């Protein structure tokens, strides 16, 4: 993706989006890990 024509505000929004997606990946991994641990302890 070519971001050379983006202004300062667009770059700020893109950085916010990347931060949000990184956080969402971490939260998703923690939820999956929690569910796996719960399933393992129920067996």
Protein backbone atom coordinates (compact mmCIF):
# COMPACT_ATOMS: atom_id res chain seq x y z
CA UNK A 1 0.00 0.00 0.00
CA UNK A 2 1.45 3.32 -1.08
CA UNK A 3 1.13 5.87 1.73
CA UNK A 4 3.35 8.54 0.19
CA UNK A 5 0.37 10.78 -0.63
CA UNK A 6 -1.15 10.57 2.87
CA UNK A 7 -1.21 13.69 5.02
CA UNK A 8 -0.23 13.78 8.69
CA UNK A 9 -3.76 13.01 9.88
CA UNK A 10 -4.09 9.99 7.58
CA UNK A 11 -0.79 8.60 8.89
CA UNK A 12 -2.06 9.12 12.44
CA UNK A 13 -5.25 7.21 11.65
CA UNK A 14 -3.25 4.41 10.01
CA UNK A 15 -1.03 4.10 13.10
CA UNK A 16 -4.12 4.01 15.33
CA UNK A 17 -5.59 1.26 13.14
CA UNK A 18 -2.38 -0.79 13.32
CA UNK A 19 -2.26 -0.40 17.10
CA UNK A 20 -5.90 -1.48 17.41
CA UNK A 21 -5.36 -4.53 15.21
CA UNK A 22 -2.28 -5.57 17.21
CA UNK A 23 -4.27 -5.27 20.41
CA UNK A 24 -7.16 -7.24 18.91
CA UNK A 25 -4.79 -10.06 17.92
CA UNK A 26 -3.38 -10.24 21.47
CA UNK A 27 -6.86 -10.24 23.02
CA UNK A 28 -8.01 -12.93 20.58
CA UNK A 29 -5.02 -15.10 21.41
CA UNK A 30 -5.70 -14.72 25.14
CA UNK A 31 -9.36 -15.67 24.68
CA UNK A 32 -8.40 -18.77 22.67
CA UNK A 33 -5.76 -19.70 25.25
CA UNK A 34 -8.31 -19.33 28.06
CA UNK A 35 -10.81 -21.53 26.22
CA UNK A 36 -8.17 -24.21 25.58
CA UNK A 37 -7.14 -24.21 29.26
CA UNK A 38 -10.80 -24.45 30.33
CA UNK A 39 -11.42 -27.35 27.94
CA UNK A 40 -8.27 -29.16 29.12
CA UNK A 41 -9.27 -28.88 32.79
CA UNK A 42 -12.77 -30.21 32.07
CA UNK A 43 -11.49 -33.43 30.50
